[in-house]
């Protein structure tokens, strides 16, 4: 039975998320503040952490940052529609997924299930370097501050949406990302999975323009996409 820590200063939201996950058979440990949660995470193993982005004293981004200093536990952040910049920062630090509020029971259950099913083989893949400012994996280099991407030393010009999608995939090479998760991170809920497919096609074309043999972005039928490990 997976153990999930839920952190939210909003008691109503805390109860709602907890009740939904308990009904799915998960063990849920609620925390009303991030400081108390961090102390518990140091001594008790969790299979997943769900934290609200907006909390007093320590918000979800700071909680995630501190967790990533010591742990690779999967983290889902609860966000509002206007939190795009914070979502990008969350991706840099190592968030696994985002759920925008208000969310349906079905979305919550599916997102949690998808993250729990992902294999975890250590914080970063072999040969990958990842800091708050840069991702380096194989021939890929992404400058997160300057929005610059290069492949084999050659610049790859990307749109803002393509950049977000690539960062999300490259942050954890070998990990499958569902189309729904990519929609949430890159575009929001007002687009279809076909839009994600179009963005992925565009990404491949731009990389192949500088390297005809580029095959690093893999399509997983019925699942989504991943950046080759």
C-alpha atoms as a PDB file:
ATOM      1  CA  UNK A   1       0.000   0.000   0.000  1.00  0.00           C
ATOM      2  CA  UNK A   2       1.635   3.287  -1.082  1.00  0.00           C
ATOM      3  CA  UNK A   3       2.093   5.894   1.628  1.00  0.00           C
ATOM      4  CA  UNK A   4       1.377   9.449   0.489  1.00  0.00           C
ATOM      5  CA  UNK A   5       2.175  12.603   2.408  1.00  0.00           C
ATOM      6  CA  UNK A   6      -0.226  15.463   1.647  1.00  0.00           C
ATOM      7  CA  UNK A   7       0.825  18.996   2.624  1.00  0.00           C
ATOM      8  CA  UNK A   8      -1.645  21.884   2.464  1.00  0.00           C
ATOM      9  CA  UNK A   9      -2.489  24.750   4.808  1.00  0.00           C
ATOM     10  CA  UNK A  10      -6.087  24.650   3.539  1.00  0.00           C
ATOM     11  CA  UNK A  11      -7.843  22.119   5.785  1.00  0.00           C
ATOM     12  CA  UNK A  12     -10.716  21.656   3.344  1.00  0.00           C
ATOM     13  CA  UNK A  13      -8.341  20.803   0.493  1.00  0.00           C
ATOM     14  CA  UNK A  14      -6.282  18.611   2.777  1.00  0.00           C
ATOM     15  CA  UNK A  15      -9.382  16.596   3.713  1.00  0.00           C
ATOM     16  CA  UNK A  16     -10.594  16.405   0.122  1.00  0.00           C
ATOM     17  CA  UNK A  17      -7.332  15.060  -1.289  1.00  0.00           C
ATOM     18  CA  UNK A  18      -6.880  12.716   1.658  1.00  0.00           C
ATOM     19  CA  UNK A  19     -10.366  11.229   1.377  1.00  0.00           C
ATOM     20  CA  UNK A  20     -10.055  10.636  -2.363  1.00  0.00           C
ATOM     21  CA  UNK A  21      -6.717   8.871  -2.006  1.00  0.00           C
ATOM     22  CA  UNK A  22      -7.835   6.796   0.969  1.00  0.00           C
ATOM     23  CA  UNK A  23     -10.827   5.598  -1.058  1.00  0.00           C
ATOM     24  CA  UNK A  24      -8.321   4.354  -3.655  1.00  0.00           C
ATOM     25  CA  UNK A  25      -6.527   2.269  -1.044  1.00  0.00           C
ATOM     26  CA  UNK A  26      -3.596   4.557  -0.305  1.00  0.00           C
ATOM     27  CA  UNK A  27      -2.268   5.313   3.166  1.00  0.00           C
ATOM     28  CA  UNK A  28      -2.446   9.093   3.580  1.00  0.00           C
ATOM     29  CA  UNK A  29      -0.568  11.193   6.146  1.00  0.00           C
ATOM     30  CA  UNK A  30      -1.814  14.819   6.179  1.00  0.00           C
ATOM     31  CA  UNK A  31       0.245  17.836   7.212  1.00  0.00           C
ATOM     32  CA  UNK A  32      -1.116  21.338   7.685  1.00  0.00           C
ATOM     33  CA  UNK A  33       2.278  23.037   7.405  1.00  0.00           C
ATOM     34  CA  UNK A  34       5.435  22.409   5.410  1.00  0.00           C
ATOM     35  CA  UNK A  35       7.842  22.595   8.369  1.00  0.00           C
ATOM     36  CA  UNK A  36       6.094  19.745  10.163  1.00  0.00           C
ATOM     37  CA  UNK A  37       6.007  17.748   6.938  1.00  0.00           C
ATOM     38  CA  UNK A  38       9.743  18.218   6.308  1.00  0.00           C
ATOM     39  CA  UNK A  39      10.578  16.969   9.788  1.00  0.00           C
ATOM     40  CA  UNK A  40       8.450  13.879   9.194  1.00  0.00           C
ATOM     41  CA  UNK A  41       9.950  13.231   5.749  1.00  0.00           C
ATOM     42  CA  UNK A  42      13.419  12.989   7.340  1.00  0.00           C
ATOM     43  CA  UNK A  43      12.451  10.023   9.511  1.00  0.00           C
ATOM     44  CA  UNK A  44       9.614   8.304   7.664  1.00  0.00           C
ATOM     45  CA  UNK A  45       9.672   6.885   4.109  1.00  0.00           C
ATOM     46  CA  UNK A  46       6.972   8.027   1.675  1.00  0.00           C
ATOM     47  CA  UNK A  47       6.094   6.773  -1.795  1.00  0.00           C
ATOM     48  CA  UNK A  48       4.759  10.166  -2.911  1.00  0.00           C
ATOM     49  CA  UNK A  49       4.394  13.717  -1.629  1.00  0.00           C
ATOM     50  CA  UNK A  50       1.589  16.050  -2.727  1.00  0.00           C
ATOM     51  CA  UNK A  51       2.091  19.677  -1.696  1.00  0.00           C
ATOM     52  CA  UNK A  52       0.243  22.909  -2.328  1.00  0.00           C
ATOM     53  CA  UNK A  53       2.294  25.551  -4.087  1.00  0.00           C
ATOM     54  CA  UNK A  54       0.874  28.419  -2.023  1.00  0.00           C
ATOM     55  CA  UNK A  55       1.487  27.995   1.714  1.00  0.00           C
ATOM     56  CA  UNK A  56       2.611  30.438   4.441  1.00  0.00           C
ATOM     57  CA  UNK A  57       6.149  30.354   5.872  1.00  0.00           C
ATOM     58  CA  UNK A  58       7.437  27.656   3.502  1.00  0.00           C
ATOM     59  CA  UNK A  59       5.688  27.250   0.157  1.00  0.00           C
ATOM     60  CA  UNK A  60       5.637  24.221  -2.108  1.00  0.00           C
ATOM     61  CA  UNK A  61       8.691  25.322  -4.101  1.00  0.00           C
ATOM     62  CA  UNK A  62      10.839  25.682  -0.986  1.00  0.00           C
ATOM     63  CA  UNK A  63       9.552  22.364   0.363  1.00  0.00           C
ATOM     64  CA  UNK A  64      10.479  20.713  -2.933  1.00  0.00           C
ATOM     65  CA  UNK A  65      13.924  22.335  -2.950  1.00  0.00           C
ATOM     66  CA  UNK A  66      14.704  21.057   0.547  1.00  0.00           C
ATOM     67  CA  UNK A  67      13.388  17.600  -0.252  1.00  0.00           C
ATOM     68  CA  UNK A  68      15.541  17.342  -3.378  1.00  0.00           C
ATOM     69  CA  UNK A  69      18.665  17.981  -1.308  1.00  0.00           C
ATOM     70  CA  UNK A  70      18.142  14.625   0.416  1.00  0.00           C
ATOM     71  CA  UNK A  71      15.462  12.609  -1.359  1.00  0.00           C
ATOM     72  CA  UNK A  72      14.213  11.458  -4.756  1.00  0.00           C
ATOM     73  CA  UNK A  73      10.660  10.886  -3.502  1.00  0.00           C
ATOM     74  CA  UNK A  74       8.135  11.766  -6.251  1.00  0.00           C
ATOM     75  CA  UNK A  75       6.478  15.150  -5.701  1.00  0.00           C
ATOM     76  CA  UNK A  76       3.253  16.505  -7.199  1.00  0.00           C
ATOM     77  CA  UNK A  77       2.529  20.200  -6.697  1.00  0.00           C
ATOM     78  CA  UNK A  78      -1.011  21.583  -6.459  1.00  0.00           C
ATOM     79  CA  UNK A  79      -1.174  24.840  -8.405  1.00  0.00           C
ATOM     80  CA  UNK A  80      -3.556  27.550  -9.540  1.00  0.00           C
ATOM     81  CA  UNK A  81      -3.976  28.786 -13.110  1.00  0.00           C
ATOM     82  CA  UNK A  82      -1.641  31.757 -12.651  1.00  0.00           C
ATOM     83  CA  UNK A  83       1.342  29.810 -11.305  1.00  0.00           C
ATOM     84  CA  UNK A  84       3.156  29.238 -14.617  1.00  0.00           C
ATOM     85  CA  UNK A  85       6.462  30.780 -13.496  1.00  0.00           C
ATOM     86  CA  UNK A  86       6.417  28.766 -10.289  1.00  0.00           C
ATOM     87  CA  UNK A  87       5.711  25.634 -12.320  1.00  0.00           C
ATOM     88  CA  UNK A  88       8.808  26.290 -14.415  1.00  0.00           C
ATOM     89  CA  UNK A  89      10.865  26.742 -11.252  1.00  0.00           C
ATOM     90  CA  UNK A  90       9.354  23.528  -9.923  1.00  0.00           C
ATOM     91  CA  UNK A  91      10.457  21.694 -13.056  1.00  0.00           C
ATOM     92  CA  UNK A  92      13.989  22.996 -12.624  1.00  0.00           C
ATOM     93  CA  UNK A  93      14.165  21.710  -9.066  1.00  0.00           C
ATOM     94  CA  UNK A  94      12.609  18.336  -9.825  1.00  0.00           C
ATOM     95  CA  UNK A  95       8.801  18.303  -9.569  1.00  0.00           C
ATOM     96  CA  UNK A  96       7.310  15.144 -11.082  1.00  0.00           C
ATOM     97  CA  UNK A  97       3.902  16.553 -11.993  1.00  0.00           C
ATOM     98  CA  UNK A  98       1.424  19.348 -11.363  1.00  0.00           C
ATOM     99  CA  UNK A  99      -2.313  19.283 -10.647  1.00  0.00           C
ATOM    100  CA  UNK A 100      -4.221  22.510 -11.154  1.00  0.00           C
ATOM    101  CA  UNK A 101      -6.969  23.393  -8.697  1.00  0.00           C
ATOM    102  CA  UNK A 102      -9.845  22.886  -8.671  1.00  0.00           C
ATOM    103  CA  UNK A 103      -9.358  19.352  -9.960  1.00  0.00           C
ATOM    104  CA  UNK A 104     -11.758  16.469 -10.347  1.00  0.00           C
ATOM    105  CA  UNK A 105     -11.474  13.242  -8.387  1.00  0.00           C
ATOM    106  CA  UNK A 106     -10.688  11.420 -11.623  1.00  0.00           C
ATOM    107  CA  UNK A 107      -7.788  13.739 -12.527  1.00  0.00           C
ATOM    108  CA  UNK A 108      -6.318  13.433  -9.038  1.00  0.00           C
ATOM    109  CA  UNK A 109      -6.516   9.636  -9.041  1.00  0.00           C
ATOM    110  CA  UNK A 110      -5.061   9.291 -12.544  1.00  0.00           C
ATOM    111  CA  UNK A 111      -2.177  11.699 -11.933  1.00  0.00           C
ATOM    112  CA  UNK A 112      -1.241  10.038  -8.646  1.00  0.00           C
ATOM    113  CA  UNK A 113      -1.428   6.583 -10.221  1.00  0.00           C
ATOM    114  CA  UNK A 114       0.728   7.655 -13.172  1.00  0.00           C
ATOM    115  CA  UNK A 115       3.475   9.063 -10.931  1.00  0.00           C
ATOM    116  CA  UNK A 116       3.468   6.020  -8.653  1.00  0.00           C
ATOM    117  CA  UNK A 117       3.861   3.715 -11.655  1.00  0.00           C
ATOM    118  CA  UNK A 118       6.968   5.481 -12.945  1.00  0.00           C
ATOM    119  CA  UNK A 119      10.240   3.645 -12.269  1.00  0.00           C
ATOM    120  CA  UNK A 120      12.668   5.443  -9.978  1.00  0.00           C
ATOM    121  CA  UNK A 121      16.292   4.506 -10.366  1.00  0.00           C
ATOM    122  CA  UNK A 122      18.028   7.295  -8.477  1.00  0.00           C
ATOM    123  CA  UNK A 123      17.742  11.034  -8.640  1.00  0.00           C
ATOM    124  CA  UNK A 124      19.331  11.559 -12.042  1.00  0.00           C
ATOM    125  CA  UNK A 125      20.331   9.262 -14.854  1.00  0.00           C
ATOM    126  CA  UNK A 126      23.958   8.255 -15.315  1.00  0.00           C
ATOM    127  CA  UNK A 127      25.850  10.870 -17.260  1.00  0.00           C
ATOM    128  CA  UNK A 128      23.304  13.581 -16.472  1.00  0.00           C
ATOM    129  CA  UNK A 129      24.080  16.788 -14.638  1.00  0.00           C
ATOM    130  CA  UNK A 130      21.247  18.887 -13.308  1.00  0.00           C
ATOM    131  CA  UNK A 131      21.388  22.128 -11.353  1.00  0.00           C
ATOM    132  CA  UNK A 132      18.867  24.886 -10.765  1.00  0.00           C
ATOM    133  CA  UNK A 133      20.256  26.655 -13.850  1.00  0.00           C
ATOM    134  CA  UNK A 134      21.235  23.958 -16.312  1.00  0.00           C
ATOM    135  CA  UNK A 135      20.450  20.449 -17.551  1.00  0.00           C
ATOM    136  CA  UNK A 136      23.179  18.489 -19.317  1.00  0.00           C
ATOM    137  CA  UNK A 137      22.447  15.002 -20.663  1.00  0.00           C
ATOM    138  CA  UNK A 138      24.462  13.312 -23.389  1.00  0.00           C
ATOM    139  CA  UNK A 139      24.756  15.913 -26.189  1.00  0.00           C
ATOM    140  CA  UNK A 140      21.901  18.011 -24.807  1.00  0.00           C
ATOM    141  CA  UNK A 141      22.510  21.206 -22.870  1.00  0.00           C
ATOM    142  CA  UNK A 142      19.665  23.394 -21.605  1.00  0.00           C
ATOM    143  CA  UNK A 143      20.304  26.782 -19.996  1.00  0.00           C
ATOM    144  CA  UNK A 144      17.197  27.343 -17.880  1.00  0.00           C
ATOM    145  CA  UNK A 145      17.896  30.976 -17.071  1.00  0.00           C
ATOM    146  CA  UNK A 146      18.523  32.116 -20.619  1.00  0.00           C
ATOM    147  CA  UNK A 147      16.082  29.746 -22.367  1.00  0.00           C
ATOM    148  CA  UNK A 148      18.894  28.390 -24.555  1.00  0.00           C
ATOM    149  CA  UNK A 149      19.076  24.835 -25.873  1.00  0.00           C
ATOM    150  CA  UNK A 150      21.967  23.233 -27.741  1.00  0.00           C
ATOM    151  CA  UNK A 151      22.527  19.759 -29.220  1.00  0.00           C
ATOM    152  CA  UNK A 152      26.096  18.697 -30.005  1.00  0.00           C
ATOM    153  CA  UNK A 153      27.096  22.310 -29.503  1.00  0.00           C
ATOM    154  CA  UNK A 154      24.609  23.651 -32.064  1.00  0.00           C
ATOM    155  CA  UNK A 155      21.774  25.990 -31.049  1.00  0.00           C
ATOM    156  CA  UNK A 156      18.212  24.693 -31.334  1.00  0.00           C
ATOM    157  CA  UNK A 157      15.661  27.525 -31.473  1.00  0.00           C
ATOM    158  CA  UNK A 158      12.528  26.541 -29.537  1.00  0.00           C
ATOM    159  CA  UNK A 159       9.220  28.184 -28.739  1.00  0.00           C
ATOM    160  CA  UNK A 160       8.350  28.689 -25.062  1.00  0.00           C
ATOM    161  CA  UNK A 161       6.006  25.687 -25.130  1.00  0.00           C
ATOM    162  CA  UNK A 162       8.559  23.452 -26.844  1.00  0.00           C
ATOM    163  CA  UNK A 163      11.130  24.524 -24.284  1.00  0.00           C
ATOM    164  CA  UNK A 164       8.860  23.575 -21.365  1.00  0.00           C
ATOM    165  CA  UNK A 165       8.093  20.193 -22.895  1.00  0.00           C
ATOM    166  CA  UNK A 166      11.761  19.453 -23.507  1.00  0.00           C
ATOM    167  CA  UNK A 167      12.749  20.462 -19.965  1.00  0.00           C
ATOM    168  CA  UNK A 168      10.075  18.190 -18.534  1.00  0.00           C
ATOM    169  CA  UNK A 169      11.293  15.222 -20.564  1.00  0.00           C
ATOM    170  CA  UNK A 170      15.020  15.862 -20.146  1.00  0.00           C
ATOM    171  CA  UNK A 171      14.766  16.382 -16.386  1.00  0.00           C
ATOM    172  CA  UNK A 172      14.266  12.616 -16.001  1.00  0.00           C
ATOM    173  CA  UNK A 173      15.541  10.711 -19.040  1.00  0.00           C
ATOM    174  CA  UNK A 174      13.966   7.295 -19.466  1.00  0.00           C
ATOM    175  CA  UNK A 175      10.835   8.276 -17.538  1.00  0.00           C
ATOM    176  CA  UNK A 176       7.594   8.150 -19.511  1.00  0.00           C
ATOM    177  CA  UNK A 177       5.430  11.266 -19.487  1.00  0.00           C
ATOM    178  CA  UNK A 178       1.762  10.934 -20.363  1.00  0.00           C
ATOM    179  CA  UNK A 179       0.144  13.300 -22.834  1.00  0.00           C
ATOM    180  CA  UNK A 180      -2.179  14.547 -20.078  1.00  0.00           C
ATOM    181  CA  UNK A 181       0.771  15.404 -17.843  1.00  0.00           C
ATOM    182  CA  UNK A 182       2.496  17.241 -20.690  1.00  0.00           C
ATOM    183  CA  UNK A 183      -0.690  19.152 -21.502  1.00  0.00           C
ATOM    184  CA  UNK A 184      -0.906  20.335 -17.896  1.00  0.00           C
ATOM    185  CA  UNK A 185       2.707  21.421 -17.723  1.00  0.00           C
ATOM    186  CA  UNK A 186       3.074  22.991 -21.131  1.00  0.00           C
ATOM    187  CA  UNK A 187      -0.278  24.343 -22.142  1.00  0.00           C
ATOM    188  CA  UNK A 188      -3.027  24.007 -19.564  1.00  0.00           C
ATOM    189  CA  UNK A 189      -6.335  22.209 -19.926  1.00  0.00           C
ATOM    190  CA  UNK A 190      -7.687  23.969 -23.005  1.00  0.00           C
ATOM    191  CA  UNK A 191      -5.847  21.905 -25.618  1.00  0.00           C
ATOM    192  CA  UNK A 192      -6.002  18.323 -26.854  1.00  0.00           C
ATOM    193  CA  UNK A 193      -3.433  15.536 -26.901  1.00  0.00           C
ATOM    194  CA  UNK A 194      -3.052  16.172 -30.640  1.00  0.00           C
ATOM    195  CA  UNK A 195      -1.569  19.555 -29.790  1.00  0.00           C
ATOM    196  CA  UNK A 196       1.115  17.828 -27.731  1.00  0.00           C
ATOM    197  CA  UNK A 197       1.788  15.461 -30.629  1.00  0.00           C
ATOM    198  CA  UNK A 198       2.243  18.471 -32.924  1.00  0.00           C
ATOM    199  CA  UNK A 199       4.671  20.090 -30.491  1.00  0.00           C
ATOM    200  CA  UNK A 200       6.658  16.850 -30.281  1.00  0.00           C
ATOM    201  CA  UNK A 201       6.805  16.629 -34.051  1.00  0.00           C
ATOM    202  CA  UNK A 202       8.088  20.193 -34.147  1.00  0.00           C
ATOM    203  CA  UNK A 203      10.718  19.421 -31.506  1.00  0.00           C
ATOM    204  CA  UNK A 204      12.024  16.464 -33.483  1.00  0.00           C
ATOM    205  CA  UNK A 205      12.155  18.476 -36.689  1.00  0.00           C
ATOM    206  CA  UNK A 206      14.163  21.240 -35.041  1.00  0.00           C
ATOM    207  CA  UNK A 207      16.683  18.814 -33.554  1.00  0.00           C
ATOM    208  CA  UNK A 208      16.981  16.925 -36.846  1.00  0.00           C
ATOM    209  CA  UNK A 209      17.711  20.215 -38.582  1.00  0.00           C
ATOM    210  CA  UNK A 210      21.028  20.249 -36.675  1.00  0.00           C
ATOM    211  CA  UNK A 211      21.436  16.452 -36.464  1.00  0.00           C
ATOM    212  CA  UNK A 212      19.656  14.230 -38.978  1.00  0.00           C
ATOM    213  CA  UNK A 213      20.213  11.185 -36.770  1.00  0.00           C
ATOM    214  CA  UNK A 214      18.405  12.615 -33.733  1.00  0.00           C
ATOM    215  CA  UNK A 215      16.118   9.941 -32.229  1.00  0.00           C
ATOM    216  CA  UNK A 216      16.187  10.851 -28.540  1.00  0.00           C
ATOM    217  CA  UNK A 217      12.491  11.744 -28.137  1.00  0.00           C
ATOM    218  CA  UNK A 218      10.618   8.444 -28.123  1.00  0.00           C
ATOM    219  CA  UNK A 219       6.886   7.915 -28.621  1.00  0.00           C
ATOM    220  CA  UNK A 220       5.326   5.305 -26.334  1.00  0.00           C
ATOM    221  CA  UNK A 221       2.107   4.051 -27.894  1.00  0.00           C
ATOM    222  CA  UNK A 222      -0.854   4.537 -25.600  1.00  0.00           C
ATOM    223  CA  UNK A 223       1.296   6.251 -22.982  1.00  0.00           C
ATOM    224  CA  UNK A 224       3.064   9.404 -24.135  1.00  0.00           C
ATOM    225  CA  UNK A 225       6.704  10.365 -24.605  1.00  0.00           C
ATOM    226  CA  UNK A 226      10.128  10.089 -23.020  1.00  0.00           C
ATOM    227  CA  UNK A 227      13.637  11.362 -23.592  1.00  0.00           C
ATOM    228  CA  UNK A 228      15.943   8.420 -24.198  1.00  0.00           C
ATOM    229  CA  UNK A 229      18.058   7.482 -21.173  1.00  0.00           C
END
